[in-house]
Structure formats: structure tokens, C-alpha cells
Amino acid sequence: MAFTGNYTCDGFKLGLMSADFDFASGTTDQYKIALYTNSATLDNTTTAYTTSGEVVASGYTAGGSLVTPTLSSSNGTTYLDFNDVSWTAIITARGALIYKVGGSNTAMFVLDFGSDKTSTATFQVTFPTPSATTALVRLS
């Protein structure tokens, strides 16, 4: 098994400290989510988007789909969320990579689905509702 868990990529953590990422409304920065099979090797040391192990399916385009970030805040904690995304295709995927488009296509998050997930018509990635225990990113 190539996927071993969910990770925040090291390059993303460094980029946060040097203001390489802009999640504000109206930003020109773009972000994508790409789907991967179990043959992909992705973890916290993943530096950039890669086609190695990426899903190949009719209805899925290499590089994945754009996702829009949303920032919110509650009780002193700020949350980063992305819109849910779907592909009208029969897809089997084990996980995903969220990355910043452009430059070096910096890897941000590795998402391990826990097992292969297969769609019969539409493959959807649903992000959790941002809260203190479920948000993809939360800063207090």
C-alpha cells in the first residue's frame, strides 16, 4: 500500500511562513485537487504535483480540478476549507493531492481515502464542515 495517511506537506508549511499562499477572497492564486491510485507514493515530503500514480479515466483530466479556498473564523480559530469537487466518470482512487497551481505546483495536502473508492457515475470529494475538530486546516 502506497498511501500511509493524511499529510500536510512540508513545502506548504514552509510556504505559509514565507507568504507563498494567498487564500483570501478574490486572490489570483489557484489550487487544484488531483486523484491518485494506490500505486502513488505521496506523503509529507511530497514537494509538487506529479502524474506518477495519478488516476487515468475518461472524464478525468490529468492535473485534477480547481478548488476554491474559503477562510472563516470562529471563537479565535481560523479555518481553511475548499469547495467539494466531482467528476462525471467511473473512477477508482485511493487518495488525492491538493496543490498550488503555477511555479513549482507546490504540494499542500495528501488525502488518504483509507481504501480504494470507486464511483459508478460521479466521483465526489466532500470536504468536512470547518470546525475545531474537522477542518482541513485550523489555526488557533
N, C-alpha and C. Protein backbone atom coordinates (compact mmCIF):
# COMPACT_ATOMS: atom_id res chain seq x y z
N MET A 1 0.84 -1.19 0.00
CA MET A 1 0.00 0.00 0.00
C MET A 1 0.88 1.24 0.00
N ALA A 2 0.68 2.11 -0.97
CA ALA A 2 1.49 3.31 -1.10
C ALA A 2 1.02 4.45 -0.21
N PHE A 3 -0.28 4.56 0.00
CA PHE A 3 -0.79 5.62 0.87
C PHE A 3 -0.66 5.18 2.33
N THR A 4 -0.16 6.07 3.16
CA THR A 4 0.05 5.73 4.57
C THR A 4 -0.58 6.74 5.52
N GLY A 5 -1.45 7.60 5.02
CA GLY A 5 -2.11 8.55 5.91
C GLY A 5 -2.31 9.90 5.24
N ASN A 6 -2.90 10.79 6.01
CA ASN A 6 -3.13 12.17 5.57
C ASN A 6 -1.94 13.01 6.03
N TYR A 7 -1.53 13.93 5.17
CA TYR A 7 -0.35 14.74 5.49
C TYR A 7 -0.54 16.19 5.07
N THR A 8 0.06 17.08 5.84
CA THR A 8 0.29 18.45 5.42
C THR A 8 1.73 18.45 4.92
N CYS A 9 1.93 18.80 3.68
CA CYS A 9 3.25 18.71 3.06
C CYS A 9 4.21 19.75 3.63
N ASP A 10 5.47 19.34 3.77
CA ASP A 10 6.49 20.20 4.36
C ASP A 10 6.65 21.52 3.60
N GLY A 11 6.60 21.46 2.26
CA GLY A 11 6.74 22.68 1.45
C GLY A 11 5.63 23.67 1.69
N PHE A 12 4.42 23.16 1.98
CA PHE A 12 3.31 24.03 2.29
C PHE A 12 3.55 24.73 3.63
N LYS A 13 4.01 23.98 4.62
CA LYS A 13 4.28 24.59 5.93
C LYS A 13 5.33 25.68 5.82
N LEU A 14 6.38 25.43 5.05
CA LEU A 14 7.41 26.46 4.85
C LEU A 14 6.85 27.64 4.09
N GLY A 15 6.02 27.36 3.06
CA GLY A 15 5.43 28.42 2.26
C GLY A 15 4.48 29.32 3.04
N LEU A 16 3.80 28.75 4.03
CA LEU A 16 2.93 29.57 4.88
C LEU A 16 3.74 30.63 5.61
N MET A 17 4.91 30.25 6.07
CA MET A 17 5.73 31.17 6.84
C MET A 17 6.39 32.24 5.97
N SER A 18 6.44 32.00 4.66
CA SER A 18 7.05 32.99 3.78
C SER A 18 6.03 33.63 2.83
N ALA A 19 4.76 33.52 3.19
CA ALA A 19 3.65 34.16 2.47
C ALA A 19 3.56 33.75 1.00
N ASP A 20 3.81 32.47 0.72
CA ASP A 20 3.71 31.95 -0.64
C ASP A 20 2.29 31.57 -1.03
N PHE A 21 1.37 31.58 -0.09
CA PHE A 21 0.00 31.15 -0.35
C PHE A 21 -0.97 32.26 0.03
N ASP A 22 -1.93 32.52 -0.85
CA ASP A 22 -2.95 33.52 -0.58
C ASP A 22 -4.31 32.85 -0.72
N PHE A 23 -5.06 32.79 0.36
CA PHE A 23 -6.37 32.15 0.36
C PHE A 23 -7.51 33.17 0.46
N ALA A 24 -7.18 34.45 0.44
CA ALA A 24 -8.20 35.49 0.59
C ALA A 24 -9.15 35.49 -0.59
N SER A 25 -10.36 35.93 -0.34
CA SER A 25 -11.37 36.06 -1.38
C SER A 25 -10.83 36.98 -2.47
N GLY A 26 -10.98 36.58 -3.71
CA GLY A 26 -10.52 37.40 -4.82
C GLY A 26 -9.06 37.20 -5.18
N THR A 27 -8.39 36.27 -4.53
CA THR A 27 -6.99 36.03 -4.82
C THR A 27 -6.80 35.53 -6.25
N THR A 28 -5.63 35.78 -6.82
CA THR A 28 -5.33 35.22 -8.13
C THR A 28 -4.66 33.86 -8.01
N ASP A 29 -4.26 33.46 -6.80
CA ASP A 29 -3.70 32.13 -6.59
C ASP A 29 -4.76 31.08 -6.92
N GLN A 30 -4.35 29.99 -7.56
CA GLN A 30 -5.27 28.91 -7.88
C GLN A 30 -4.77 27.61 -7.25
N TYR A 31 -5.73 26.76 -6.90
CA TYR A 31 -5.43 25.50 -6.23
C TYR A 31 -6.20 24.38 -6.93
N LYS A 32 -5.58 23.19 -6.96
CA LYS A 32 -6.23 22.05 -7.60
C LYS A 32 -6.17 20.83 -6.68
N ILE A 33 -7.08 19.89 -6.96
CA ILE A 33 -7.05 18.60 -6.31
C ILE A 33 -6.93 17.55 -7.42
N ALA A 34 -5.94 16.67 -7.29
CA ALA A 34 -5.71 15.60 -8.25
C ALA A 34 -5.95 14.27 -7.54
N LEU A 35 -6.47 13.30 -8.28
CA LEU A 35 -6.77 11.98 -7.72
C LEU A 35 -5.67 10.98 -8.06
N TYR A 36 -5.44 10.04 -7.14
CA TYR A 36 -4.36 9.07 -7.30
C TYR A 36 -4.81 7.65 -6.98
N THR A 37 -4.16 6.71 -7.64
CA THR A 37 -4.38 5.30 -7.37
C THR A 37 -3.47 4.87 -6.21
N ASN A 38 -3.63 3.64 -5.78
CA ASN A 38 -2.81 3.12 -4.69
C ASN A 38 -1.34 2.95 -5.08
N SER A 39 -1.02 3.10 -6.35
CA SER A 39 0.38 2.98 -6.76
C SER A 39 1.17 4.26 -6.53
N ALA A 40 0.48 5.36 -6.20
CA ALA A 40 1.16 6.63 -5.94
C ALA A 40 1.88 6.58 -4.60
N THR A 41 3.00 7.27 -4.54
CA THR A 41 3.74 7.39 -3.29
C THR A 41 3.72 8.86 -2.88
N LEU A 42 2.80 9.19 -1.98
CA LEU A 42 2.63 10.58 -1.53
C LEU A 42 2.67 10.61 -0.01
N ASP A 43 3.39 11.59 0.54
CA ASP A 43 3.44 11.77 1.99
C ASP A 43 3.85 13.21 2.29
N ASN A 44 4.26 13.49 3.50
CA ASN A 44 4.61 14.87 3.88
C ASN A 44 5.80 15.41 3.10
N THR A 45 6.63 14.54 2.54
CA THR A 45 7.80 15.00 1.80
C THR A 45 7.50 15.26 0.32
N THR A 46 6.27 15.01 -0.11
CA THR A 46 5.88 15.30 -1.48
C THR A 46 6.02 16.80 -1.71
N THR A 47 6.76 17.17 -2.74
CA THR A 47 7.05 18.59 -2.96
C THR A 47 6.14 19.26 -3.97
N ALA A 48 5.63 18.47 -4.94
CA ALA A 48 4.87 19.09 -6.03
C ALA A 48 3.91 18.08 -6.64
N TYR A 49 2.96 18.62 -7.39
CA TYR A 49 2.05 17.77 -8.17
C TYR A 49 2.88 16.85 -9.06
N THR A 50 2.44 15.60 -9.18
CA THR A 50 3.10 14.63 -10.04
C THR A 50 2.04 13.82 -10.78
N THR A 51 2.38 13.35 -11.96
CA THR A 51 1.48 12.48 -12.70
C THR A 51 1.71 11.01 -12.32
N SER A 52 2.76 10.74 -11.56
CA SER A 52 3.06 9.36 -11.18
C SER A 52 1.98 8.80 -10.25
N GLY A 53 1.26 7.79 -10.72
CA GLY A 53 0.20 7.18 -9.93
C GLY A 53 -1.12 7.91 -10.02
N GLU A 54 -1.19 8.96 -10.85
CA GLU A 54 -2.45 9.71 -10.98
C GLU A 54 -3.49 8.86 -11.71
N VAL A 55 -4.73 9.06 -11.34
CA VAL A 55 -5.85 8.36 -11.98
C VAL A 55 -5.87 8.67 -13.48
N VAL A 56 -6.13 7.63 -14.26
CA VAL A 56 -6.35 7.80 -15.69
C VAL A 56 -7.75 7.25 -15.97
N ALA A 57 -8.66 8.11 -16.37
CA ALA A 57 -10.03 7.69 -16.63
C ALA A 57 -10.69 8.68 -17.58
N SER A 58 -11.60 8.18 -18.40
CA SER A 58 -12.39 9.04 -19.26
C SER A 58 -13.24 9.93 -18.36
N GLY A 59 -13.18 11.23 -18.57
CA GLY A 59 -13.93 12.16 -17.72
C GLY A 59 -13.08 12.79 -16.63
N TYR A 60 -11.85 12.32 -16.50
CA TYR A 60 -10.90 12.90 -15.53
C TYR A 60 -9.73 13.45 -16.32
N THR A 61 -9.36 14.70 -16.07
CA THR A 61 -8.25 15.34 -16.75
C THR A 61 -7.03 15.35 -15.83
N ALA A 62 -5.88 14.95 -16.38
CA ALA A 62 -4.63 14.98 -15.61
C ALA A 62 -4.47 16.36 -14.98
N GLY A 63 -4.07 16.38 -13.75
CA GLY A 63 -3.91 17.63 -13.00
C GLY A 63 -5.08 17.90 -12.09
N GLY A 64 -6.21 17.19 -12.33
CA GLY A 64 -7.36 17.32 -11.45
C GLY A 64 -8.22 18.53 -11.77
N SER A 65 -8.91 19.00 -10.74
CA SER A 65 -9.86 20.11 -10.89
C SER A 65 -9.53 21.25 -9.93
N LEU A 66 -9.91 22.43 -10.34
CA LEU A 66 -9.73 23.60 -9.48
C LEU A 66 -10.61 23.48 -8.24
N VAL A 67 -10.07 23.91 -7.11
CA VAL A 67 -10.85 24.05 -5.88
C VAL A 67 -10.66 25.47 -5.38
N THR A 68 -11.72 26.01 -4.79
CA THR A 68 -11.69 27.38 -4.29
C THR A 68 -11.55 27.37 -2.78
N PRO A 69 -10.54 28.05 -2.25
CA PRO A 69 -10.40 28.10 -0.80
C PRO A 69 -11.37 29.09 -0.17
N THR A 70 -11.78 28.78 1.05
CA THR A 70 -12.63 29.68 1.83
C THR A 70 -12.04 29.76 3.23
N LEU A 71 -11.87 30.99 3.71
CA LEU A 71 -11.40 31.21 5.08
C LEU A 71 -12.59 31.62 5.93
N SER A 72 -12.64 31.09 7.14
CA SER A 72 -13.65 31.52 8.10
C SER A 72 -13.02 31.52 9.48
N SER A 73 -13.71 32.16 10.43
CA SER A 73 -13.16 32.28 11.78
C SER A 73 -14.29 32.16 12.79
N SER A 74 -13.98 31.49 13.90
CA SER A 74 -14.95 31.35 14.98
C SER A 74 -14.22 31.11 16.29
N ASN A 75 -14.59 31.87 17.31
CA ASN A 75 -14.02 31.70 18.65
C ASN A 75 -12.50 31.67 18.66
N GLY A 76 -11.88 32.56 17.89
CA GLY A 76 -10.43 32.68 17.90
C GLY A 76 -9.69 31.65 17.05
N THR A 77 -10.42 30.83 16.29
CA THR A 77 -9.80 29.85 15.41
C THR A 77 -10.17 30.17 13.96
N THR A 78 -9.17 30.15 13.09
CA THR A 78 -9.39 30.38 11.66
C THR A 78 -9.32 29.05 10.94
N TYR A 79 -10.23 28.86 9.99
CA TYR A 79 -10.35 27.60 9.26
C TYR A 79 -10.13 27.83 7.77
N LEU A 80 -9.49 26.87 7.14
CA LEU A 80 -9.36 26.85 5.69
C LEU A 80 -10.17 25.68 5.17
N ASP A 81 -11.02 25.97 4.21
CA ASP A 81 -11.88 24.95 3.61
C ASP A 81 -11.77 25.08 2.09
N PHE A 82 -12.17 24.04 1.38
CA PHE A 82 -12.24 24.07 -0.08
C PHE A 82 -13.63 23.60 -0.49
N ASN A 83 -14.06 24.03 -1.68
CA ASN A 83 -15.34 23.56 -2.18
C ASN A 83 -15.25 22.07 -2.53
N ASP A 84 -16.37 21.38 -2.39
CA ASP A 84 -16.44 19.98 -2.81
C ASP A 84 -16.26 19.94 -4.32
N VAL A 85 -15.73 18.84 -4.82
CA VAL A 85 -15.47 18.72 -6.25
C VAL A 85 -15.91 17.34 -6.72
N SER A 86 -16.37 17.28 -7.97
CA SER A 86 -16.79 15.98 -8.51
C SER A 86 -16.42 15.86 -9.98
N TRP A 87 -16.31 14.62 -10.41
CA TRP A 87 -16.03 14.29 -11.80
C TRP A 87 -17.12 13.33 -12.26
N THR A 88 -17.67 13.57 -13.44
CA THR A 88 -18.66 12.66 -14.01
C THR A 88 -17.89 11.59 -14.76
N ALA A 89 -17.56 10.53 -14.03
CA ALA A 89 -16.72 9.48 -14.60
C ALA A 89 -16.74 8.28 -13.67
N ILE A 90 -16.40 7.13 -14.24
CA ILE A 90 -16.16 5.94 -13.44
C ILE A 90 -14.69 5.99 -13.04
N ILE A 91 -14.44 6.16 -11.75
CA ILE A 91 -13.08 6.37 -11.24
C ILE A 91 -12.86 5.47 -10.03
N THR A 92 -11.67 4.92 -9.94
CA THR A 92 -11.21 4.29 -8.70
C THR A 92 -10.00 5.08 -8.23
N ALA A 93 -10.07 5.62 -7.02
CA ALA A 93 -8.98 6.42 -6.47
C ALA A 93 -8.74 6.02 -5.03
N ARG A 94 -7.49 6.08 -4.61
CA ARG A 94 -7.12 5.77 -3.23
C ARG A 94 -6.91 7.04 -2.42
N GLY A 95 -6.60 8.15 -3.10
CA GLY A 95 -6.34 9.39 -2.38
C GLY A 95 -6.23 10.56 -3.33
N ALA A 96 -5.81 11.69 -2.78
CA ALA A 96 -5.74 12.92 -3.56
C ALA A 96 -4.60 13.79 -3.07
N LEU A 97 -4.24 14.74 -3.91
CA LEU A 97 -3.24 15.75 -3.58
C LEU A 97 -3.83 17.11 -3.89
N ILE A 98 -3.78 18.01 -2.92
CA ILE A 98 -4.15 19.40 -3.16
C ILE A 98 -2.85 20.16 -3.33
N TYR A 99 -2.79 20.98 -4.39
CA TYR A 99 -1.56 21.70 -4.68
C TYR A 99 -1.87 23.08 -5.25
N LYS A 100 -0.87 23.96 -5.15
CA LYS A 100 -0.99 25.31 -5.71
C LYS A 100 -0.57 25.25 -7.17
N VAL A 101 -1.39 25.84 -8.04
CA VAL A 101 -1.12 25.85 -9.47
C VAL A 101 -0.10 26.94 -9.80
N GLY A 102 0.86 26.61 -10.64
CA GLY A 102 1.84 27.58 -11.08
C GLY A 102 3.16 27.42 -10.35
N GLY A 103 4.18 28.05 -10.91
CA GLY A 103 5.51 27.93 -10.32
C GLY A 103 5.92 26.48 -10.29
N SER A 104 6.16 25.96 -9.10
CA SER A 104 6.57 24.56 -8.97
C SER A 104 5.41 23.63 -8.64
N ASN A 105 4.16 24.14 -8.71
CA ASN A 105 2.97 23.34 -8.36
C ASN A 105 3.14 22.71 -6.97
N THR A 106 3.39 23.56 -5.99
CA THR A 106 3.70 23.14 -4.63
C THR A 106 2.61 22.27 -4.01
N ALA A 107 3.01 21.09 -3.53
CA ALA A 107 2.10 20.17 -2.84
C ALA A 107 1.71 20.76 -1.49
N MET A 108 0.44 20.65 -1.15
CA MET A 108 -0.05 21.18 0.11
C MET A 108 -0.55 20.09 1.05
N PHE A 109 -1.48 19.26 0.56
CA PHE A 109 -2.10 18.24 1.39
C PHE A 109 -2.21 16.92 0.65
N VAL A 110 -1.87 15.83 1.34
CA VAL A 110 -2.12 14.49 0.85
C VAL A 110 -3.32 13.96 1.61
N LEU A 111 -4.32 13.50 0.86
CA LEU A 111 -5.54 12.97 1.46
C LEU A 111 -5.61 11.47 1.17
N ASP A 112 -5.62 10.67 2.22
CA ASP A 112 -5.72 9.22 2.10
C ASP A 112 -7.18 8.84 2.33
N PHE A 113 -7.82 8.24 1.35
CA PHE A 113 -9.23 7.86 1.47
C PHE A 113 -9.43 6.62 2.33
N GLY A 114 -8.33 5.97 2.76
CA GLY A 114 -8.42 4.81 3.65
C GLY A 114 -8.53 3.49 2.91
N SER A 115 -9.05 3.52 1.71
CA SER A 115 -9.14 2.35 0.84
C SER A 115 -9.50 2.86 -0.55
N ASP A 116 -9.43 2.00 -1.53
CA ASP A 116 -9.86 2.40 -2.87
C ASP A 116 -11.33 2.77 -2.84
N LYS A 117 -11.67 3.87 -3.45
CA LYS A 117 -13.06 4.31 -3.59
C LYS A 117 -13.39 4.30 -5.08
N THR A 118 -14.51 3.70 -5.44
CA THR A 118 -14.90 3.58 -6.84
C THR A 118 -16.27 4.19 -7.05
N SER A 119 -16.38 4.99 -8.10
CA SER A 119 -17.67 5.58 -8.46
C SER A 119 -18.27 4.77 -9.60
N THR A 120 -19.58 4.81 -9.70
CA THR A 120 -20.26 4.18 -10.83
C THR A 120 -20.69 5.20 -11.87
N ALA A 121 -20.74 6.47 -11.51
CA ALA A 121 -21.11 7.52 -12.45
C ALA A 121 -20.44 8.85 -12.10
N THR A 122 -20.45 9.23 -10.82
CA THR A 122 -19.86 10.50 -10.38
C THR A 122 -18.96 10.25 -9.18
N PHE A 123 -17.73 10.72 -9.28
CA PHE A 123 -16.78 10.61 -8.18
C PHE A 123 -16.73 11.96 -7.49
N GLN A 124 -17.00 12.01 -6.19
CA GLN A 124 -17.04 13.28 -5.47
C GLN A 124 -16.12 13.24 -4.26
N VAL A 125 -15.39 14.33 -4.08
CA VAL A 125 -14.61 14.55 -2.86
C VAL A 125 -15.35 15.61 -2.06
N THR A 126 -15.79 15.24 -0.87
CA THR A 126 -16.53 16.13 0.01
C THR A 126 -15.65 16.50 1.19
N PHE A 127 -15.40 17.78 1.35
CA PHE A 127 -14.58 18.24 2.47
C PHE A 127 -15.45 18.39 3.71
N PRO A 128 -14.87 18.14 4.89
CA PRO A 128 -15.65 18.27 6.12
C PRO A 128 -16.03 19.72 6.39
N THR A 129 -17.11 19.90 7.10
CA THR A 129 -17.52 21.24 7.53
C THR A 129 -16.44 21.79 8.45
N PRO A 130 -15.97 23.00 8.20
CA PRO A 130 -14.92 23.56 9.06
C PRO A 130 -15.38 23.71 10.51
N SER A 131 -14.66 23.09 11.41
CA SER A 131 -14.91 23.24 12.84
C SER A 131 -13.60 22.96 13.57
N ALA A 132 -13.63 23.10 14.88
CA ALA A 132 -12.42 22.91 15.69
C ALA A 132 -11.85 21.50 15.59
N THR A 133 -12.67 20.54 15.20
CA THR A 133 -12.18 19.16 15.14
C THR A 133 -12.17 18.57 13.74
N THR A 134 -12.80 19.23 12.76
CA THR A 134 -12.90 18.61 11.44
C THR A 134 -12.31 19.40 10.30
N ALA A 135 -11.96 20.64 10.47
CA ALA A 135 -11.44 21.45 9.37
C ALA A 135 -10.12 20.89 8.85
N LEU A 136 -9.93 20.99 7.55
CA LEU A 136 -8.69 20.53 6.94
C LEU A 136 -7.50 21.29 7.55
N VAL A 137 -7.65 22.58 7.72
CA VAL A 137 -6.63 23.40 8.38
C VAL A 137 -7.32 24.28 9.40
N ARG A 138 -6.78 24.32 10.60
CA ARG A 138 -7.31 25.20 11.63
C ARG A 138 -6.14 25.78 12.43
N LEU A 139 -6.19 27.07 12.63
CA LEU A 139 -5.16 27.79 13.38
C LEU A 139 -5.83 28.52 14.53
N SER A 140 -5.32 28.26 15.73
CA SER A 140 -5.90 28.91 16.91
C SER A 140 -4.94 29.92 17.49
